[in-house]
């Protein structure tokens, strides 16, 4: 169904500060897409949606309901509220412009549902090493605390068997602080990369060169671009707009930077493959596959075929990334546990050596 829309001139007030969770995104796009496909009016569907989910979700849906009731486009309301993922906004805009909003929403639902399944599989695979890490932190914290409250028979302080220089309750708090700093730094690095702080996303080509990891990340990103192109070209959107929307759907400023170059190439008479190559951000293998597919059919048919192929590649790539993350966590936990075990053992053996020297009646004075 084609939804009559108009553009928002004034940005609505931003109330949400947290993006929609994957599970909520999957359910929302499925319910709305199914409802629209069945002929339900979009305003009525959103009114029903505004009664479901968390308080943030209901608030965001209420804004969508009020905006669409006034005739504004869904995508334009979404883009002014950070609660809605950028990919959802981009694909919703594609659906509105092509008159295939139901198809776009259902494609999004499948995408988010796959991400939810992958996330659950990932969390399940790292559950045991995560418990080991928590247990290890708990044991170390207990040892630090005991070293502060126990006193050896000869007086003084307990031997620092961990070699951290931390004792008692204060030492435990410092230990937790150091752990928080480490995880905080990791979180800031991830956040900074996602926001392209200081142009850090320009390092993406270097990341792609990392064996196994890099190609997997690249495949997942190209899959997003591929099925967005398939949808837009198949719906009759011109190649310039299609490529720009596809690059937007990657949610990466690195890829979005190639949009103007592709537009210039198309205006100069370039084919789809040549325009994609002109972006200078896409892998040669992908461009070559598009070029081959173009010779076998139309641009839309070529991208539809490639999108199915890359969807299968993406599933395998996600499994690879999940396996890498699981191995890294388990290796880290094992390294920490082994380090402290050997540290404690070395202190204990040194203490035995000292006792042996003290008990030797022939030792030199």
Protein backbone atom coordinates (compact mmCIF):
# COMPACT_ATOMS: atom_id res chain seq x y z
CA UNK A 1 0.00 0.00 0.00
CA UNK A 2 1.19 3.56 -0.69
CA UNK A 3 1.01 5.93 2.26
CA UNK A 4 0.32 9.60 1.64
CA UNK A 5 3.01 11.57 3.41
CA UNK A 6 4.34 15.07 3.80
CA UNK A 7 7.66 16.33 5.05
CA UNK A 8 8.27 17.60 8.54
CA UNK A 9 9.31 21.26 8.63
CA UNK A 10 9.81 21.48 12.35
CA UNK A 11 11.71 18.87 14.28
CA UNK A 12 9.71 17.39 17.14
CA UNK A 13 11.16 17.60 20.60
CA UNK A 14 13.61 14.83 21.37
CA UNK A 15 12.64 13.01 24.52
CA UNK A 16 14.26 9.59 24.17
CA UNK A 17 17.99 9.16 24.69
CA UNK A 18 18.29 5.44 24.23
CA UNK A 19 18.03 3.49 20.99
CA UNK A 20 15.37 0.84 20.54
CA UNK A 21 16.48 -2.63 21.58
CA UNK A 22 16.82 -5.29 18.92
CA UNK A 23 13.96 -7.42 20.24
CA UNK A 24 11.64 -4.39 20.37
CA UNK A 25 12.70 -3.36 16.86
CA UNK A 26 11.98 -6.85 15.52
CA UNK A 27 8.52 -7.00 17.10
CA UNK A 28 7.59 -3.43 16.15
CA UNK A 29 8.52 -3.75 12.48
CA UNK A 30 6.81 -7.14 12.23
CA UNK A 31 3.55 -5.94 13.84
CA UNK A 32 3.43 -2.73 11.80
CA UNK A 33 4.43 -4.41 8.54
CA UNK A 34 1.91 -7.23 9.01
CA UNK A 35 -0.83 -4.77 9.92
CA UNK A 36 -0.22 -2.55 6.90
CA UNK A 37 -0.06 -5.58 4.61
CA UNK A 38 -3.46 -6.67 5.95
CA UNK A 39 -4.90 -3.25 5.10
CA UNK A 40 -4.92 -1.68 8.55
CA UNK A 41 -4.63 2.11 8.53
CA UNK A 42 -1.17 3.28 9.63
CA UNK A 43 -2.62 5.73 12.17
CA UNK A 44 -4.73 3.03 13.79
CA UNK A 45 -1.81 0.57 13.76
CA UNK A 46 0.43 3.08 15.54
CA UNK A 47 -2.30 3.91 18.05
CA UNK A 48 -2.38 0.24 18.99
CA UNK A 49 1.44 0.12 19.07
CA UNK A 50 1.54 3.04 21.54
CA UNK A 51 -0.03 0.79 24.19
CA UNK A 52 2.71 -1.87 24.02
CA UNK A 53 6.24 -2.19 25.36
CA UNK A 54 8.26 -0.07 27.75
CA UNK A 55 7.52 3.53 28.68
CA UNK A 56 10.13 4.80 26.19
CA UNK A 57 8.66 2.63 23.45
CA UNK A 58 5.12 3.82 24.15
CA UNK A 59 6.27 7.45 24.18
CA UNK A 60 8.06 7.07 20.84
CA UNK A 61 5.07 5.27 19.30
CA UNK A 62 2.75 8.01 20.54
CA UNK A 63 4.90 10.59 18.74
CA UNK A 64 4.73 8.48 15.58
CA UNK A 65 0.96 8.19 15.94
CA UNK A 66 0.48 11.92 16.41
CA UNK A 67 2.83 12.78 13.57
CA UNK A 68 1.28 10.40 11.05
CA UNK A 69 -2.17 11.59 12.10
CA UNK A 70 -1.09 15.05 10.97
CA UNK A 71 0.20 13.62 7.69
CA UNK A 72 3.94 13.52 8.34
CA UNK A 73 6.16 10.74 7.00
CA UNK A 74 7.19 7.97 9.38
CA UNK A 75 10.86 8.26 8.41
CA UNK A 76 10.95 11.99 9.06
CA UNK A 77 9.51 11.54 12.52
CA UNK A 78 11.93 8.69 13.20
CA UNK A 79 15.03 10.59 12.11
CA UNK A 80 14.45 13.26 14.76
CA UNK A 81 14.18 10.76 17.59
CA UNK A 82 17.35 8.81 18.59
CA UNK A 83 15.13 6.01 19.89
CA UNK A 84 14.81 4.74 16.33
CA UNK A 85 17.91 3.06 14.80
CA UNK A 86 19.35 4.81 11.77
CA UNK A 87 18.99 1.67 9.68
CA UNK A 88 15.28 1.50 10.50
CA UNK A 89 14.84 5.13 9.51
CA UNK A 90 16.72 4.64 6.22
CA UNK A 91 14.82 1.51 5.18
CA UNK A 92 11.48 3.00 6.24
CA UNK A 93 12.27 5.97 4.02
CA UNK A 94 13.00 3.56 1.16
CA UNK A 95 9.65 1.86 1.72
CA UNK A 96 7.78 5.15 1.78
CA UNK A 97 9.42 6.43 -1.38
CA UNK A 98 8.84 3.17 -3.25
CA UNK A 99 5.31 2.55 -1.97
CA UNK A 100 6.49 -0.74 -0.45
CA UNK A 101 6.47 0.22 3.21
CA UNK A 102 5.04 -3.15 4.27
CA UNK A 103 7.79 -5.07 2.47
CA UNK A 104 10.46 -2.77 3.88
CA UNK A 105 9.19 -3.22 7.45
CA UNK A 106 8.99 -7.00 7.13
CA UNK A 107 12.53 -7.12 5.72
CA UNK A 108 13.65 -5.07 8.72
CA UNK A 109 11.83 -7.48 11.01
CA UNK A 110 13.73 -10.45 9.58
CA UNK A 111 16.99 -8.54 9.87
CA UNK A 112 16.43 -7.62 13.53
CA UNK A 113 15.11 -11.09 14.35
CA UNK A 114 18.31 -12.58 12.96
CA UNK A 115 20.36 -10.16 15.06
CA UNK A 116 18.39 -11.14 18.17
CA UNK A 117 19.03 -14.84 17.51
CA UNK A 118 22.71 -14.16 16.94
CA UNK A 119 22.95 -12.10 20.12
CA UNK A 120 21.30 -14.87 22.15
CA UNK A 121 23.65 -17.47 20.68
CA UNK A 122 26.62 -15.24 21.45
CA UNK A 123 25.55 -14.62 25.06
CA UNK A 124 24.91 -18.32 25.53
CA UNK A 125 28.38 -19.19 24.24
CA UNK A 126 30.14 -16.71 26.55
CA UNK A 127 27.98 -17.38 29.62
CA UNK A 128 30.39 -19.90 31.15
CA UNK A 129 33.59 -17.88 30.61
CA UNK A 130 31.78 -14.80 31.92
CA UNK A 131 30.86 -16.69 35.09
CA UNK A 132 34.50 -17.77 35.38
CA UNK A 133 35.60 -14.16 35.11
CA UNK A 134 33.12 -13.03 37.77
CA UNK A 135 34.15 -15.90 40.05
CA UNK A 136 37.81 -15.06 39.52
CA UNK A 137 37.20 -11.41 40.40
CA UNK A 138 35.28 -12.53 43.49
CA UNK A 139 38.07 -14.83 44.67
CA UNK A 140 40.73 -12.16 44.14
CA UNK A 141 38.59 -9.60 45.96
CA UNK A 142 38.21 -12.00 48.88
CA UNK A 143 41.97 -12.59 49.07
CA UNK A 144 42.64 -8.83 49.01
CA UNK A 145 40.15 -8.31 51.83
CA UNK A 146 41.58 -11.16 53.95
CA UNK A 147 45.12 -9.84 53.56
CA UNK A 148 43.93 -6.65 55.19
CA UNK A 149 42.14 -8.12 58.21
CA UNK A 150 44.28 -11.17 59.04
CA UNK A 151 47.51 -10.92 61.00
CA UNK A 152 50.31 -13.56 60.89
CA UNK A 153 51.48 -15.25 64.13
CA UNK A 154 54.68 -13.18 64.20
CA UNK A 155 52.78 -9.91 63.82
CA UNK A 156 52.87 -7.38 61.00
CA UNK A 157 51.00 -7.77 57.73
CA UNK A 158 50.09 -10.80 55.67
CA UNK A 159 52.34 -11.52 52.68
CA UNK A 160 51.02 -9.89 49.50
CA UNK A 161 50.44 -13.17 47.68
CA UNK A 162 48.86 -11.41 44.69
CA UNK A 163 51.59 -8.82 44.20
CA UNK A 164 49.06 -6.05 43.61
CA UNK A 165 49.85 -3.97 46.69
CA UNK A 166 46.19 -3.96 47.71
CA UNK A 167 44.82 -4.93 51.13
CA UNK A 168 41.54 -4.84 53.05
CA UNK A 169 38.26 -3.24 52.10
CA UNK A 170 39.95 -0.18 50.60
CA UNK A 171 42.11 -2.44 48.46
CA UNK A 172 39.02 -4.26 47.19
CA UNK A 173 37.45 -0.94 46.18
CA UNK A 174 40.63 0.07 44.32
CA UNK A 175 40.68 -3.33 42.59
CA UNK A 176 37.10 -2.87 41.42
CA UNK A 177 37.95 0.66 40.30
CA UNK A 178 40.80 -0.61 38.12
CA UNK A 179 38.49 -3.21 36.57
CA UNK A 180 35.85 -0.54 35.90
CA UNK A 181 38.47 1.65 34.23
CA UNK A 182 39.52 -1.18 31.91
CA UNK A 183 35.96 -1.94 30.84
CA UNK A 184 35.19 1.78 30.65
CA UNK A 185 38.08 2.38 28.25
CA UNK A 186 36.91 -0.52 26.06
CA UNK A 187 33.38 0.91 26.07
CA UNK A 188 34.62 4.40 25.15
CA UNK A 189 36.66 3.01 22.28
CA UNK A 190 33.62 1.20 20.90
CA UNK A 191 31.41 4.27 21.37
CA UNK A 192 33.99 6.57 19.78
CA UNK A 193 34.29 4.28 16.77
CA UNK A 194 30.52 4.06 16.29
CA UNK A 195 30.32 7.89 16.40
CA UNK A 196 33.36 8.27 14.12
CA UNK A 197 35.17 10.40 16.71
CA UNK A 198 38.17 12.18 15.15
CA UNK A 199 37.48 10.34 11.88
CA UNK A 200 38.44 6.99 13.40
CA UNK A 201 36.27 5.14 10.87
CA UNK A 202 38.92 5.93 8.27
CA UNK A 203 40.76 3.00 9.83
CA UNK A 204 38.09 0.61 8.53
CA UNK A 205 40.25 -0.52 5.55
CA UNK A 206 42.96 -1.53 8.02
CA UNK A 207 40.44 -3.43 10.14
CA UNK A 208 39.30 -5.33 7.06
CA UNK A 209 42.88 -6.58 6.59
CA UNK A 210 42.77 -8.43 9.92
CA UNK A 211 42.60 -12.15 9.00
CA UNK A 212 39.20 -13.82 9.48
CA UNK A 213 37.80 -10.95 11.60
CA UNK A 214 38.08 -8.20 8.98
CA UNK A 215 36.44 -10.04 6.07
CA UNK A 216 33.58 -11.15 8.35
CA UNK A 217 32.81 -7.58 9.43
CA UNK A 218 33.02 -6.40 5.83
CA UNK A 219 30.64 -9.12 4.63
CA UNK A 220 27.99 -8.13 7.18
CA UNK A 221 28.22 -4.48 6.15
CA UNK A 222 28.08 -5.24 2.41
CA UNK A 223 25.03 -7.44 3.03
CA UNK A 224 23.13 -4.44 4.43
CA UNK A 225 24.10 -2.36 1.43
CA UNK A 226 23.24 -5.14 -1.00
CA UNK A 227 19.67 -5.84 0.09
CA UNK A 228 18.96 -2.12 0.40
CA UNK A 229 20.08 -1.67 -3.22
CA UNK A 230 17.95 -4.66 -4.20
CA UNK A 231 14.86 -3.12 -2.61
CA UNK A 232 15.37 0.39 -3.98
CA UNK A 233 16.32 -0.57 -7.53
CA UNK A 234 13.54 -3.13 -7.66
CA UNK A 235 11.09 -0.43 -6.64
CA UNK A 236 12.10 1.95 -9.41
CA UNK A 237 14.21 4.46 -7.48
CA UNK A 238 16.91 6.00 -9.66
CA UNK A 239 20.47 4.62 -9.19
CA UNK A 240 21.77 7.86 -7.64
CA UNK A 241 19.21 7.81 -4.86
CA UNK A 242 19.44 4.03 -4.50
CA UNK A 243 23.19 4.05 -3.94
CA UNK A 244 22.94 6.94 -1.49
CA UNK A 245 20.27 5.15 0.54
CA UNK A 246 22.27 1.91 0.43
CA UNK A 247 25.38 3.66 1.73
CA UNK A 248 23.27 5.29 4.46
CA UNK A 249 21.97 1.88 5.50
CA UNK A 250 25.50 0.76 6.47
CA UNK A 251 25.28 3.23 9.36
CA UNK A 252 28.91 4.20 8.71
CA UNK A 253 30.23 7.62 7.74
CA UNK A 254 33.11 5.87 6.00
CA UNK A 255 30.75 4.34 3.44
CA UNK A 256 28.47 7.36 3.29
CA UNK A 257 31.45 9.46 2.16
CA UNK A 258 31.35 7.74 -1.25
CA UNK A 259 27.82 8.88 -2.16
CA UNK A 260 28.83 12.08 -3.98
CA UNK A 261 31.49 10.27 -6.01
CA UNK A 262 28.98 7.67 -7.18
CA UNK A 263 26.53 10.41 -8.14
CA UNK A 264 29.14 12.17 -10.27
CA UNK A 265 29.99 8.85 -11.96
CA UNK A 266 26.35 8.10 -12.82
CA UNK A 267 25.78 11.60 -14.20
CA UNK A 268 28.82 11.01 -16.40
CA UNK A 269 27.16 7.88 -17.85
CA UNK A 270 28.65 5.16 -15.62
CA UNK A 271 26.96 1.79 -15.08
CA UNK A 272 25.88 0.59 -11.63
CA UNK A 273 29.12 -1.35 -11.13
CA UNK A 274 31.21 1.62 -12.25
CA UNK A 275 29.30 3.92 -9.90
CA UNK A 276 29.88 1.58 -7.00
CA UNK A 277 33.55 1.37 -7.86
CA UNK A 278 33.72 5.18 -7.95
CA UNK A 279 32.78 5.33 -4.26
CA UNK A 280 36.27 3.98 -3.46
CA UNK A 281 34.92 2.36 -0.30
CA UNK A 282 33.56 -0.94 -1.61
CA UNK A 283 35.60 -4.15 -2.09
CA UNK A 284 36.67 -5.01 -5.63
CA UNK A 285 35.18 -8.50 -5.36
CA UNK A 286 31.72 -7.05 -4.68
CA UNK A 287 31.96 -4.57 -7.56
CA UNK A 288 33.09 -7.35 -9.90
CA UNK A 289 30.14 -9.52 -8.87
CA UNK A 290 27.77 -6.62 -9.58
CA UNK A 291 29.39 -6.11 -12.98
CA UNK A 292 29.00 -9.79 -13.87
CA UNK A 293 25.39 -9.86 -12.64
CA UNK A 294 24.59 -6.71 -14.64
CA UNK A 295 25.57 -8.43 -17.87
CA UNK A 296 23.16 -11.25 -17.06
CA UNK A 297 20.14 -9.02 -16.35
CA UNK A 298 18.89 -5.68 -15.08
CA UNK A 299 20.38 -3.80 -12.14
CA UNK A 300 17.44 -4.79 -9.92
CA UNK A 301 17.74 -8.47 -10.85
CA UNK A 302 21.49 -8.36 -10.32
CA UNK A 303 21.17 -6.92 -6.82
CA UNK A 304 18.34 -9.31 -5.89
CA UNK A 305 20.55 -12.25 -6.80
CA UNK A 306 23.56 -10.85 -4.96
CA UNK A 307 21.50 -9.95 -1.88
CA UNK A 308 20.45 -13.59 -1.46
CA UNK A 309 24.04 -14.74 -1.80
CA UNK A 310 25.41 -12.16 0.63
CA UNK A 311 22.66 -12.95 3.12
CA UNK A 312 24.02 -16.49 3.38
CA UNK A 313 27.56 -15.14 3.64
CA UNK A 314 26.45 -12.78 6.38
CA UNK A 315 25.05 -15.61 8.49
CA UNK A 316 28.35 -17.45 8.28
CA UNK A 317 30.28 -14.25 9.03
CA UNK A 318 28.23 -13.66 12.19
CA UNK A 319 28.99 -17.19 13.35
CA UNK A 320 32.69 -16.55 12.78
CA UNK A 321 32.61 -13.29 14.76
CA UNK A 322 30.74 -14.98 17.58
CA UNK A 323 33.35 -17.73 17.68
CA UNK A 324 36.21 -15.19 17.72
CA UNK A 325 34.63 -13.23 20.56
CA UNK A 326 34.02 -16.39 22.58
CA UNK A 327 37.62 -17.55 22.14
CA UNK A 328 39.00 -14.12 23.12
CA UNK A 329 36.93 -14.02 26.31
CA UNK A 330 37.87 -17.55 27.30
CA UNK A 331 41.57 -16.96 26.60
CA UNK A 332 41.49 -13.73 28.66
CA UNK A 333 39.81 -15.45 31.59
CA UNK A 334 42.20 -18.39 31.42
CA UNK A 335 45.24 -16.08 31.26
CA UNK A 336 44.13 -14.10 34.33
CA UNK A 337 43.37 -17.20 36.36
CA UNK A 338 46.64 -18.91 35.41
CA UNK A 339 48.62 -15.74 36.16
CA UNK A 340 47.27 -15.41 39.69
CA UNK A 341 47.56 -19.14 40.34
CA UNK A 342 51.26 -19.05 39.46
CA UNK A 343 51.70 -15.81 41.41
CA UNK A 344 50.24 -17.37 44.57
CA UNK A 345 52.22 -20.57 44.00
CA UNK A 346 55.49 -18.63 43.63
CA UNK A 347 54.90 -16.75 46.88
CA UNK A 348 54.10 -20.02 48.67
CA UNK A 349 57.23 -21.75 47.31
CA UNK A 350 59.43 -18.81 48.28
CA UNK A 351 58.02 -19.01 51.79
CA UNK A 352 58.90 -22.73 51.93
CA UNK A 353 62.46 -21.98 50.81
CA UNK A 354 62.85 -19.40 53.59
CA UNK A 355 61.56 -21.86 56.20
CA UNK A 356 63.98 -24.52 54.93
CA UNK A 357 66.93 -22.15 55.32
CA UNK A 358 65.86 -21.19 58.86
CA UNK A 359 65.65 -24.87 59.88
CA UNK A 360 69.10 -25.76 58.46
CA UNK A 361 71.56 -25.96 61.43
CA UNK A 362 74.59 -25.74 59.11
CA UNK A 363 73.59 -22.42 57.54
CA UNK A 364 76.28 -19.75 57.55
CA UNK A 365 76.11 -16.89 60.01
